[in-house]
Each structure stands twice: as structure tokens, then as C-alpha cells.
Amino acid sequence: SWHVLSPTSAESVQAEFALEVLTGLSERPKRLNSRW
């Protein structure tokens, strides 16, 4: 009952999470994106 536009692998989600954590905690002031 639903259409998948672009299947997202667990590995790609994990890589995006890691990148955003690295970017956010390297900034001043530090931040984490609420989407996670």
C-alpha cells in the first residue's frame, strides 16, 4: 500500500548520521540535528 521512491540502506543512513555528528560536534557552539 505504499510506493518507495528511493530505497535507503541502513549503511547509508548510518554514514549520514556519522557525518552529521562529526560536523555538529566540531562546530562552535556544538550542535546535534534534532532529526536524529
Full PDB file with SEQRES, HELIX, SHEET, SSBOND, CRYST1, ORIGX, SCALE, CONECT and MASTER records, all heavy atoms in Angstrom:
SEQRES   1 A   36  SER TRP HIS VAL LEU SER PRO THR SER ALA GLU SER VAL          
SEQRES   2 A   36  GLN ALA GLU PHE ALA LEU GLU VAL LEU THR GLY LEU SER          
SEQRES   3 A   36  GLU ARG PRO LYS ARG LEU ASN SER ARG TRP                      
HELIX    1 AA1 ALA A   10  SER A   26  1                                  17    
CRYST1    1.000    1.000    1.000  90.00  90.00  90.00 P 1           1          
ORIGX1      1.000000  0.000000  0.000000        0.00000                         
ORIGX2      0.000000  1.000000  0.000000        0.00000                         
ORIGX3      0.000000  0.000000  1.000000        0.00000                         
SCALE1      1.000000  0.000000  0.000000        0.00000                         
SCALE2      0.000000  1.000000  0.000000        0.00000                         
SCALE3      0.000000  0.000000  1.000000        0.00000                         
ATOM      1  N   SER A   1       0.802  -1.222   0.000  1.00  0.00           N  
ATOM      2  CA  SER A   1       0.000   0.000   0.000  1.00  0.00           C  
ATOM      3  C   SER A   1       0.832   1.268   0.000  1.00  0.00           C  
ATOM      4  O   SER A   1       0.333   2.335   0.315  1.00  0.00           O  
ATOM      5  CB  SER A   1      -0.932   0.005   1.220  1.00  0.00           C  
ATOM      6  OG  SER A   1      -1.828  -1.082   1.172  1.00  0.00           O  
ATOM      7  N   TRP A   2       2.120   1.160  -0.338  1.00  0.00           N  
ATOM      8  CA  TRP A   2       2.935   2.370  -0.453  1.00  0.00           C  
ATOM      9  C   TRP A   2       3.982   2.189  -1.529  1.00  0.00           C  
ATOM     10  O   TRP A   2       4.345   1.078  -1.906  1.00  0.00           O  
ATOM     11  CB  TRP A   2       3.596   2.733   0.875  1.00  0.00           C  
ATOM     12  CG  TRP A   2       4.408   1.648   1.518  1.00  0.00           C  
ATOM     13  CD1 TRP A   2       5.726   1.367   1.314  1.00  0.00           C  
ATOM     14  CD2 TRP A   2       3.946   0.705   2.496  1.00  0.00           C  
ATOM     15  NE1 TRP A   2       6.112   0.311   2.083  1.00  0.00           N  
ATOM     16  CE2 TRP A   2       5.052  -0.114   2.836  1.00  0.00           C  
ATOM     17  CE3 TRP A   2       2.721   0.473   3.119  1.00  0.00           C  
ATOM     18  CZ2 TRP A   2       4.951  -1.145   3.759  1.00  0.00           C  
ATOM     19  CZ3 TRP A   2       2.628  -0.538   4.042  1.00  0.00           C  
ATOM     20  CH2 TRP A   2       3.725  -1.340   4.357  1.00  0.00           C  
ATOM     21  N   HIS A   3       4.450   3.326  -2.051  1.00  0.00           N  
ATOM     22  CA  HIS A   3       5.451   3.342  -3.108  1.00  0.00           C  
ATOM     23  C   HIS A   3       6.752   3.886  -2.546  1.00  0.00           C  
ATOM     24  O   HIS A   3       6.763   4.923  -1.877  1.00  0.00           O  
ATOM     25  CB  HIS A   3       4.981   4.233  -4.270  1.00  0.00           C  
ATOM     26  CG  HIS A   3       5.978   4.326  -5.381  1.00  0.00           C  
ATOM     27  ND1 HIS A   3       6.122   3.351  -6.342  1.00  0.00           N  
ATOM     28  CD2 HIS A   3       6.890   5.291  -5.683  1.00  0.00           C  
ATOM     29  CE1 HIS A   3       7.067   3.699  -7.188  1.00  0.00           C  
ATOM     30  NE2 HIS A   3       7.558   4.870  -6.809  1.00  0.00           N  
ATOM     31  N   VAL A   4       7.849   3.175  -2.799  1.00  0.00           N  
ATOM     32  CA  VAL A   4       9.164   3.586  -2.304  1.00  0.00           C  
ATOM     33  C   VAL A   4       9.888   4.323  -3.434  1.00  0.00           C  
ATOM     34  O   VAL A   4      10.182   3.742  -4.484  1.00  0.00           O  
ATOM     35  CB  VAL A   4       9.994   2.373  -1.841  1.00  0.00           C  
ATOM     36  CG1 VAL A   4      11.363   2.832  -1.335  1.00  0.00           C  
ATOM     37  CG2 VAL A   4       9.246   1.611  -0.749  1.00  0.00           C  
ATOM     38  N   LEU A   5      10.158   5.622  -3.218  1.00  0.00           N  
ATOM     39  CA  LEU A   5      10.800   6.418  -4.260  1.00  0.00           C  
ATOM     40  C   LEU A   5      12.276   6.096  -4.397  1.00  0.00           C  
ATOM     41  O   LEU A   5      12.789   5.943  -5.502  1.00  0.00           O  
ATOM     42  CB  LEU A   5      10.637   7.913  -3.954  1.00  0.00           C  
ATOM     43  CG  LEU A   5       9.230   8.492  -4.062  1.00  0.00           C  
ATOM     44  CD1 LEU A   5       9.263   9.976  -3.782  1.00  0.00           C  
ATOM     45  CD2 LEU A   5       8.651   8.234  -5.459  1.00  0.00           C  
ATOM     46  N   SER A   6      12.969   6.035  -3.259  1.00  0.00           N  
ATOM     47  CA  SER A   6      14.411   5.803  -3.310  1.00  0.00           C  
ATOM     48  C   SER A   6      14.812   4.980  -2.104  1.00  0.00           C  
ATOM     49  O   SER A   6      14.987   5.534  -1.013  1.00  0.00           O  
ATOM     50  CB  SER A   6      15.174   7.130  -3.319  1.00  0.00           C  
ATOM     51  OG  SER A   6      14.732   7.963  -2.263  1.00  0.00           O  
ATOM     52  N   PRO A   7      14.913   3.665  -2.279  1.00  0.00           N  
ATOM     53  CA  PRO A   7      15.285   2.815  -1.140  1.00  0.00           C  
ATOM     54  C   PRO A   7      16.566   3.305  -0.473  1.00  0.00           C  
ATOM     55  O   PRO A   7      17.550   3.635  -1.141  1.00  0.00           O  
ATOM     56  CB  PRO A   7      15.488   1.441  -1.796  1.00  0.00           C  
ATOM     57  CG  PRO A   7      14.688   1.495  -3.064  1.00  0.00           C  
ATOM     58  CD  PRO A   7      14.770   2.917  -3.532  1.00  0.00           C  
ATOM     59  N   THR A   8      16.556   3.379   0.852  1.00  0.00           N  
ATOM     60  CA  THR A   8      17.699   3.862   1.613  1.00  0.00           C  
ATOM     61  C   THR A   8      18.243   2.719   2.457  1.00  0.00           C  
ATOM     62  O   THR A   8      17.527   2.152   3.275  1.00  0.00           O  
ATOM     63  CB  THR A   8      17.283   5.033   2.519  1.00  0.00           C  
ATOM     64  OG1 THR A   8      16.691   6.051   1.716  1.00  0.00           O  
ATOM     65  CG2 THR A   8      18.485   5.601   3.245  1.00  0.00           C  
ATOM     66  N   SER A   9      19.498   2.392   2.259  1.00  0.00           N  
ATOM     67  CA  SER A   9      20.100   1.292   3.005  1.00  0.00           C  
ATOM     68  C   SER A   9      20.438   1.751   4.414  1.00  0.00           C  
ATOM     69  O   SER A   9      20.669   2.933   4.676  1.00  0.00           O  
ATOM     70  CB  SER A   9      21.367   0.806   2.305  1.00  0.00           C  
ATOM     71  OG  SER A   9      22.382   1.779   2.383  1.00  0.00           O  
ATOM     72  N   ALA A  10      20.484   0.775   5.313  1.00  0.00           N  
ATOM     73  CA  ALA A  10      20.871   1.088   6.690  1.00  0.00           C  
ATOM     74  C   ALA A  10      22.280   1.673   6.722  1.00  0.00           C  
ATOM     75  O   ALA A  10      22.584   2.551   7.534  1.00  0.00           O  
ATOM     76  CB  ALA A  10      20.784  -0.168   7.540  1.00  0.00           C  
ATOM     77  N   GLU A  11      23.140   1.199   5.818  1.00  0.00           N  
ATOM     78  CA  GLU A  11      24.519   1.681   5.792  1.00  0.00           C  
ATOM     79  C   GLU A  11      24.593   3.155   5.419  1.00  0.00           C  
ATOM     80  O   GLU A  11      25.362   3.925   6.001  1.00  0.00           O  
ATOM     81  CB  GLU A  11      25.354   0.858   4.805  1.00  0.00           C  
ATOM     82  CG  GLU A  11      25.592  -0.589   5.229  1.00  0.00           C  
ATOM     83  CD  GLU A  11      24.389  -1.489   4.978  1.00  0.00           C  
ATOM     84  OE1 GLU A  11      23.429  -1.030   4.303  1.00  0.00           O  
ATOM     85  OE2 GLU A  11      24.389  -2.632   5.463  1.00  0.00           O  
ATOM     86  N   SER A  12      23.759   3.597   4.462  1.00  0.00           N  
ATOM     87  CA  SER A  12      23.801   4.997   4.045  1.00  0.00           C  
ATOM     88  C   SER A  12      23.238   5.908   5.127  1.00  0.00           C  
ATOM     89  O   SER A  12      23.725   7.018   5.339  1.00  0.00           O  
ATOM     90  CB  SER A  12      23.042   5.195   2.734  1.00  0.00           C  
ATOM     91  OG  SER A  12      21.667   4.913   2.880  1.00  0.00           O  
ATOM     92  N   VAL A  13      22.201   5.440   5.837  1.00  0.00           N  
ATOM     93  CA  VAL A  13      21.653   6.217   6.954  1.00  0.00           C  
ATOM     94  C   VAL A  13      22.705   6.356   8.049  1.00  0.00           C  
ATOM     95  O   VAL A  13      22.908   7.441   8.616  1.00  0.00           O  
ATOM     96  CB  VAL A  13      20.372   5.554   7.512  1.00  0.00           C  
ATOM     97  CG1 VAL A  13      19.927   6.250   8.795  1.00  0.00           C  
ATOM     98  CG2 VAL A  13      19.268   5.594   6.471  1.00  0.00           C  
ATOM     99  N   GLN A  14      23.402   5.250   8.342  1.00  0.00           N  
ATOM    100  CA  GLN A  14      24.450   5.269   9.360  1.00  0.00           C  
ATOM    101  C   GLN A  14      25.560   6.234   8.975  1.00  0.00           C  
ATOM    102  O   GLN A  14      26.081   6.981   9.823  1.00  0.00           O  
ATOM    103  CB  GLN A  14      25.024   3.865   9.545  1.00  0.00           C  
ATOM    104  CG  GLN A  14      25.880   3.704  10.780  1.00  0.00           C  
ATOM    105  CD  GLN A  14      25.038   3.435  12.016  1.00  0.00           C  
ATOM    106  OE1 GLN A  14      23.845   3.711  12.022  1.00  0.00           O  
ATOM    107  NE2 GLN A  14      25.640   2.900  13.041  1.00  0.00           N  
ATOM    108  N   ALA A  15      25.936   6.241   7.707  1.00  0.00           N  
ATOM    109  CA  ALA A  15      27.000   7.138   7.242  1.00  0.00           C  
ATOM    110  C   ALA A  15      26.572   8.594   7.361  1.00  0.00           C  
ATOM    111  O   ALA A  15      27.370   9.462   7.754  1.00  0.00           O  
ATOM    112  CB  ALA A  15      27.368   6.806   5.800  1.00  0.00           C  
ATOM    113  N   GLU A  16      25.304   8.880   7.049  1.00  0.00           N  
ATOM    114  CA  GLU A  16      24.803  10.247   7.157  1.00  0.00           C  
ATOM    115  C   GLU A  16      24.759  10.690   8.618  1.00  0.00           C  
ATOM    116  O   GLU A  16      25.109  11.826   8.950  1.00  0.00           O  
ATOM    117  CB  GLU A  16      23.424  10.343   6.528  1.00  0.00           C  
ATOM    118  CG  GLU A  16      22.885  11.767   6.466  1.00  0.00           C  
ATOM    119  CD  GLU A  16      21.529  11.857   5.794  1.00  0.00           C  
ATOM    120  OE1 GLU A  16      20.972  10.797   5.419  1.00  0.00           O  
ATOM    121  OE2 GLU A  16      21.014  12.985   5.665  1.00  0.00           O  
ATOM    122  N   PHE A  17      24.327   9.796   9.489  1.00  0.00           N  
ATOM    123  CA  PHE A  17      24.302  10.081  10.923  1.00  0.00           C  
ATOM    124  C   PHE A  17      25.705  10.412  11.416  1.00  0.00           C  
ATOM    125  O   PHE A  17      25.928  11.419  12.106  1.00  0.00           O  
ATOM    126  CB  PHE A  17      23.718   8.878  11.666  1.00  0.00           C  
ATOM    127  CG  PHE A  17      23.596   9.029  13.157  1.00  0.00           C  
ATOM    128  CD1 PHE A  17      23.261  10.242  13.741  1.00  0.00           C  
ATOM    129  CD2 PHE A  17      23.800   7.926  13.989  1.00  0.00           C  
ATOM    130  CE1 PHE A  17      23.138  10.368  15.123  1.00  0.00           C  
ATOM    131  CE2 PHE A  17      23.675   8.042  15.371  1.00  0.00           C  
ATOM    132  CZ  PHE A  17      23.361   9.268  15.939  1.00  0.00           C  
ATOM    133  N   ALA A  18      26.659   9.592  11.058  1.00  0.00           N  
ATOM    134  CA  ALA A  18      28.036   9.808  11.493  1.00  0.00           C  
ATOM    135  C   ALA A  18      28.564  11.158  11.006  1.00  0.00           C  
ATOM    136  O   ALA A  18      29.211  11.901  11.764  1.00  0.00           O  
ATOM    137  CB  ALA A  18      28.930   8.677  10.985  1.00  0.00           C  
ATOM    138  N   LEU A  19      28.293  11.480   9.740  1.00  0.00           N  
ATOM    139  CA  LEU A  19      28.776  12.747   9.185  1.00  0.00           C  
ATOM    140  C   LEU A  19      28.168  13.936   9.916  1.00  0.00           C  
ATOM    141  O   LEU A  19      28.861  14.913  10.230  1.00  0.00           O  
ATOM    142  CB  LEU A  19      28.449  12.816   7.697  1.00  0.00           C  
ATOM    143  CG  LEU A  19      28.864  14.111   6.980  1.00  0.00           C  
ATOM    144  CD1 LEU A  19      30.370  14.317   7.094  1.00  0.00           C  
ATOM    145  CD2 LEU A  19      28.429  14.072   5.523  1.00  0.00           C  
ATOM    146  N   GLU A  20      26.869  13.859  10.220  1.00  0.00           N  
ATOM    147  CA  GLU A  20      26.217  14.985  10.888  1.00  0.00           C  
ATOM    148  C   GLU A  20      26.698  15.126  12.331  1.00  0.00           C  
ATOM    149  O   GLU A  20      26.813  16.245  12.840  1.00  0.00           O  
ATOM    150  CB  GLU A  20      24.697  14.847  10.819  1.00  0.00           C  
ATOM    151  CG  GLU A  20      24.156  15.030   9.416  1.00  0.00           C  
ATOM    152  CD  GLU A  20      22.729  15.562   9.405  1.00  0.00           C  
ATOM    153  OE1 GLU A  20      22.164  15.826  10.480  1.00  0.00           O  
ATOM    154  OE2 GLU A  20      22.187  15.707   8.298  1.00  0.00           O  
ATOM    155  N   VAL A  21      26.969  14.013  13.010  1.00  0.00           N  
ATOM    156  CA  VAL A  21      27.512  14.089  14.364  1.00  0.00           C  
ATOM    157  C   VAL A  21      28.907  14.709  14.326  1.00  0.00           C  
ATOM    158  O   VAL A  21      29.237  15.594  15.137  1.00  0.00           O  
ATOM    159  CB  VAL A  21      27.546  12.699  15.024  1.00  0.00           C  
ATOM    160  CG1 VAL A  21      28.354  12.733  16.333  1.00  0.00           C  
ATOM    161  CG2 VAL A  21      26.128  12.206  15.302  1.00  0.00           C  
ATOM    162  N   LEU A  22      29.736  14.273  13.388  1.00  0.00           N  
ATOM    163  CA  LEU A  22      31.086  14.833  13.255  1.00  0.00           C  
ATOM    164  C   LEU A  22      31.024  16.330  12.981  1.00  0.00           C  
ATOM    165  O   LEU A  22      31.724  17.127  13.623  1.00  0.00           O  
ATOM    166  CB  LEU A  22      31.835  14.119  12.129  1.00  0.00           C  
ATOM    167  CG  LEU A  22      33.225  14.674  11.794  1.00  0.00           C  
ATOM    168  CD1 LEU A  22      34.164  14.548  12.981  1.00  0.00           C  
ATOM    169  CD2 LEU A  22      33.795  13.963  10.563  1.00  0.00           C  
ATOM    170  N   THR A  23      30.172  16.726  12.045  1.00  0.00           N  
ATOM    171  CA  THR A  23      30.069  18.140  11.688  1.00  0.00           C  
ATOM    172  C   THR A  23      29.556  18.964  12.858  1.00  0.00           C  
ATOM    173  O   THR A  23      30.128  20.003  13.218  1.00  0.00           O  
ATOM    174  CB  THR A  23      29.124  18.306  10.483  1.00  0.00           C  
ATOM    175  OG1 THR A  23      29.621  17.532   9.378  1.00  0.00           O  
ATOM    176  CG2 THR A  23      29.026  19.763  10.076  1.00  0.00           C  
ATOM    177  N   GLY A  24      28.479  18.482  13.485  1.00  0.00           N  
ATOM    178  CA  GLY A  24      27.858  19.257  14.554  1.00  0.00           C  
ATOM    179  C   GLY A  24      28.730  19.420  15.779  1.00  0.00           C  
ATOM    180  O   GLY A  24      28.795  20.504  16.374  1.00  0.00           O  
ATOM    181  N   LEU A  25      29.428  18.349  16.185  1.00  0.00           N  
ATOM    182  CA  LEU A  25      30.258  18.428  17.385  1.00  0.00           C  
ATOM    183  C   LEU A  25      31.593  19.119  17.118  1.00  0.00           C  
ATOM    184  O   LEU A  25      32.334  19.427  18.066  1.00  0.00           O  
ATOM    185  CB  LEU A  25      30.488  17.032  17.960  1.00  0.00           C  
ATOM    186  CG  LEU A  25      29.246  16.321  18.492  1.00  0.00           C  
ATOM    187  CD1 LEU A  25      29.619  14.985  19.133  1.00  0.00           C  
ATOM    188  CD2 LEU A  25      28.464  17.184  19.481  1.00  0.00           C  
ATOM    189  N   SER A  26      31.890  19.383  15.847  1.00  0.00           N  
ATOM    190  CA  SER A  26      33.110  20.117  15.504  1.00  0.00           C  
ATOM    191  C   SER A  26      32.860  21.612  15.413  1.00  0.00           C  
ATOM    192  O   SER A  26      33.809  22.400  15.288  1.00  0.00           O  
ATOM    193  CB  SER A  26      33.669  19.610  14.158  1.00  0.00           C  
ATOM    194  OG  SER A  26      33.994  18.243  14.225  1.00  0.00           O  
ATOM    195  N   GLU A  27      31.607  22.022  15.463  1.00  0.00           N  
ATOM    196  CA  GLU A  27      31.266  23.435  15.347  1.00  0.00           C  
ATOM    197  C   GLU A  27      31.347  24.128  16.704  1.00  0.00           C  
ATOM    198  O   GLU A  27      31.445  23.494  17.747  1.00  0.00           O  
ATOM    199  CB  GLU A  27      29.862  23.596  14.753  1.00  0.00           C  
ATOM    200  CG  GLU A  27      29.791  23.176  13.298  1.00  0.00           C  
ATOM    201  CD  GLU A  27      28.414  23.420  12.689  1.00  0.00           C  
ATOM    202  OE1 GLU A  27      27.516  23.912  13.411  1.00  0.00           O  
ATOM    203  OE2 GLU A  27      28.244  23.122  11.497  1.00  0.00           O  
ATOM    204  N   ARG A  28      31.315  25.448  16.676  1.00  0.00           N  
ATOM    205  CA  ARG A  28      31.250  26.256  17.894  1.00  0.00           C  
ATOM    206  C   ARG A  28      30.106  27.239  17.749  1.00  0.00           C  
ATOM    207  O   ARG A  28      30.166  28.105  16.889  1.00  0.00           O  
ATOM    208  CB  ARG A  28      32.563  27.014  18.114  1.00  0.00           C  
ATOM    209  CG  ARG A  28      33.751  26.124  18.362  1.00  0.00           C  
ATOM    210  CD  ARG A  28      33.657  25.413  19.738  1.00  0.00           C  
ATOM    211  NE  ARG A  28      34.866  24.642  20.019  1.00  0.00           N  
ATOM    212  CZ  ARG A  28      35.059  23.403  19.634  1.00  0.00           C  
ATOM    213  NH1 ARG A  28      34.120  22.776  18.948  1.00  0.00           N  
ATOM    214  NH2 ARG A  28      36.168  22.763  19.931  1.00  0.00           N  
ATOM    215  N   PRO A  29      29.053  27.175  18.552  1.00  0.00           N  
ATOM    216  CA  PRO A  29      28.834  26.162  19.582  1.00  0.00           C  
ATOM    217  C   PRO A  29      28.472  24.812  18.971  1.00  0.00           C  
ATOM    218  O   PRO A  29      28.035  24.742  17.818  1.00  0.00           O  
ATOM    219  CB  PRO A  29      27.663  26.739  20.382  1.00  0.00           C  
ATOM    220  CG  PRO A  29      26.911  27.579  19.399  1.00  0.00           C  
ATOM    221  CD  PRO A  29      27.956  28.171  18.494  1.00  0.00           C  
ATOM    222  N   LYS A  30      28.638  23.758  19.755  1.00  0.00           N  
ATOM    223  CA  LYS A  30      28.344  22.414  19.275  1.00  0.00           C  
ATOM    224  C   LYS A  30      26.834  22.235  19.103  1.00  0.00           C  
ATOM    225  O   LYS A  30      26.030  22.848  19.804  1.00  0.00           O  
ATOM    226  CB  LYS A  30      28.895  21.359  20.251  1.00  0.00           C  
ATOM    227  CG  LYS A  30      30.422  21.340  20.362  1.00  0.00           C  
ATOM    228  CD  LYS A  30      30.870  20.285  21.330  1.00  0.00           C  
ATOM    229  CE  LYS A  30      32.378  20.109  21.359  1.00  0.00           C  
ATOM    230  NZ  LYS A  30      33.068  21.248  21.965  1.00  0.00           N  
ATOM    231  N   ARG A  31      26.475  21.345  18.192  1.00  0.00           N  
ATOM    232  CA  ARG A  31      25.048  21.097  17.936  1.00  0.00           C  
ATOM    233  C   ARG A  31      24.864  19.666  17.459  1.00  0.00           C  
ATOM    234  O   ARG A  31      25.798  19.028  16.957  1.00  0.00           O  
ATOM    235  CB  ARG A  31      24.499  22.067  16.886  1.00  0.00           C  
ATOM    236  CG  ARG A  31      25.153  21.892  15.525  1.00  0.00           C  
ATOM    237  CD  ARG A  31      24.520  22.705  14.431  1.00  0.00           C  
ATOM    238  NE  ARG A  31      25.213  22.461  13.159  1.00  0.00           N  
ATOM    239  CZ  ARG A  31      24.966  21.442  12.349  1.00  0.00           C  
ATOM    240  NH1 ARG A  31      24.042  20.541  12.691  1.00  0.00           N  
ATOM    241  NH2 ARG A  31      25.617  21.284  11.220  1.00  0.00           N  
ATOM    242  N   LEU A  32      23.636  19.156  17.619  1.00  0.00           N  
ATOM    243  CA  LEU A  32      23.213  17.885  17.036  1.00  0.00           C  
ATOM    244  C   LEU A  32      21.855  18.116  16.396  1.00  0.00           C  
ATOM    245  O   LEU A  32      20.995  18.775  16.981  1.00  0.00           O  
ATOM    246  CB  LEU A  32      23.128  16.782  18.103  1.00  0.00           C  
ATOM    247  CG  LEU A  32      24.458  16.308  18.688  1.00  0.00           C  
ATOM    248  CD1 LEU A  32      24.216  15.422  19.915  1.00  0.00           C  
ATOM    249  CD2 LEU A  32      25.277  15.555  17.643  1.00  0.00           C  
ATOM    250  N   ASN A  33      21.654  17.560  15.210  1.00  0.00           N  
ATOM    251  CA  ASN A  33      20.416  17.776  14.471  1.00  0.00           C  
ATOM    252  C   ASN A  33      19.272  17.000  15.112  1.00  0.00           C  
ATOM    253  O   ASN A  33      19.378  15.797  15.366  1.00  0.00           O  
ATOM    254  CB  ASN A  33      20.607  17.334  13.013  1.00  0.00           C  
ATOM    255  CG  ASN A  33      19.494  17.827  12.112  1.00  0.00           C  
ATOM    256  OD1 ASN A  33      18.321  17.752  12.448  1.00  0.00           O  
ATOM    257  ND2 ASN A  33      19.866  18.343  10.944  1.00  0.00           N  
ATOM    258  N   SER A  34      18.148  17.680  15.333  1.00  0.00           N  
ATOM    259  CA  SER A  34      17.002  17.063  16.006  1.00  0.00           C  
ATOM    260  C   SER A  34      16.379  15.923  15.201  1.00  0.00           C  
ATOM    261  O   SER A  34      15.627  15.116  15.761  1.00  0.00           O  
ATOM    262  CB  SER A  34      15.936  18.115  16.311  1.00  0.00           C  
ATOM    263  OG  SER A  34      15.476  18.727  15.123  1.00  0.00           O  
ATOM    264  N   ARG A  35      16.673  15.824  13.909  1.00  0.00           N  
ATOM    265  CA  ARG A  35      16.100  14.730  13.111  1.00  0.00           C  
ATOM    266  C   ARG A  35      16.542  13.361  13.630  1.00  0.00           C  
ATOM    267  O   ARG A  35      15.858  12.356  13.420  1.00  0.00           O  
ATOM    268  CB  ARG A  35      16.489  14.872  11.633  1.00  0.00           C  
ATOM    269  CG  ARG A  35      17.963  14.724  11.356  1.00  0.00           C  
ATOM    270  CD  ARG A  35      18.305  14.753   9.893  1.00  0.00           C  
ATOM    271  NE  ARG A  35      17.889  13.540   9.207  1.00  0.00           N  
ATOM    272  CZ  ARG A  35      18.440  13.116   8.069  1.00  0.00           C  
ATOM    273  NH1 ARG A  35      19.417  13.807   7.507  1.00  0.00           N  
ATOM    274  NH2 ARG A  35      18.022  12.017   7.507  1.00  0.00           N  
ATOM    275  N   TRP A  36      17.686  13.325  14.358  1.00  0.00           N  
ATOM    276  CA  TRP A  36      18.213  12.041  14.825  1.00  0.00           C  
ATOM    277  C   TRP A  36      17.644  11.635  16.174  1.00  0.00           C  
ATOM    278  O   TRP A  36      18.023  10.597  16.721  1.00  0.00           O  
ATOM    279  CB  TRP A  36      19.740  12.096  14.875  1.00  0.00           C  
ATOM    280  CG  TRP A  36      20.326  12.390  13.531  1.00  0.00           C  
ATOM    281  CD1 TRP A  36      20.910  13.556  13.120  1.00  0.00           C  
ATOM    282  CD2 TRP A  36      20.350  11.525  12.400  1.00  0.00           C  
ATOM    283  NE1 TRP A  36      21.299  13.474  11.811  1.00  0.00           N  
ATOM    284  CE2 TRP A  36      20.964  12.226  11.335  1.00  0.00           C  
ATOM    285  CE3 TRP A  36      19.907  10.214  12.162  1.00  0.00           C  
ATOM    286  CZ2 TRP A  36      21.152  11.681  10.073  1.00  0.00           C  
ATOM    287  CZ3 TRP A  36      20.090   9.667  10.902  1.00  0.00           C  
ATOM    288  CH2 TRP A  36      20.712  10.389   9.885  1.00  0.00           C  
TER     289      TRP A  36                                                      
MASTER        0    0    0    1    0    0    0    6  288    1    0    3          
END                                                                             
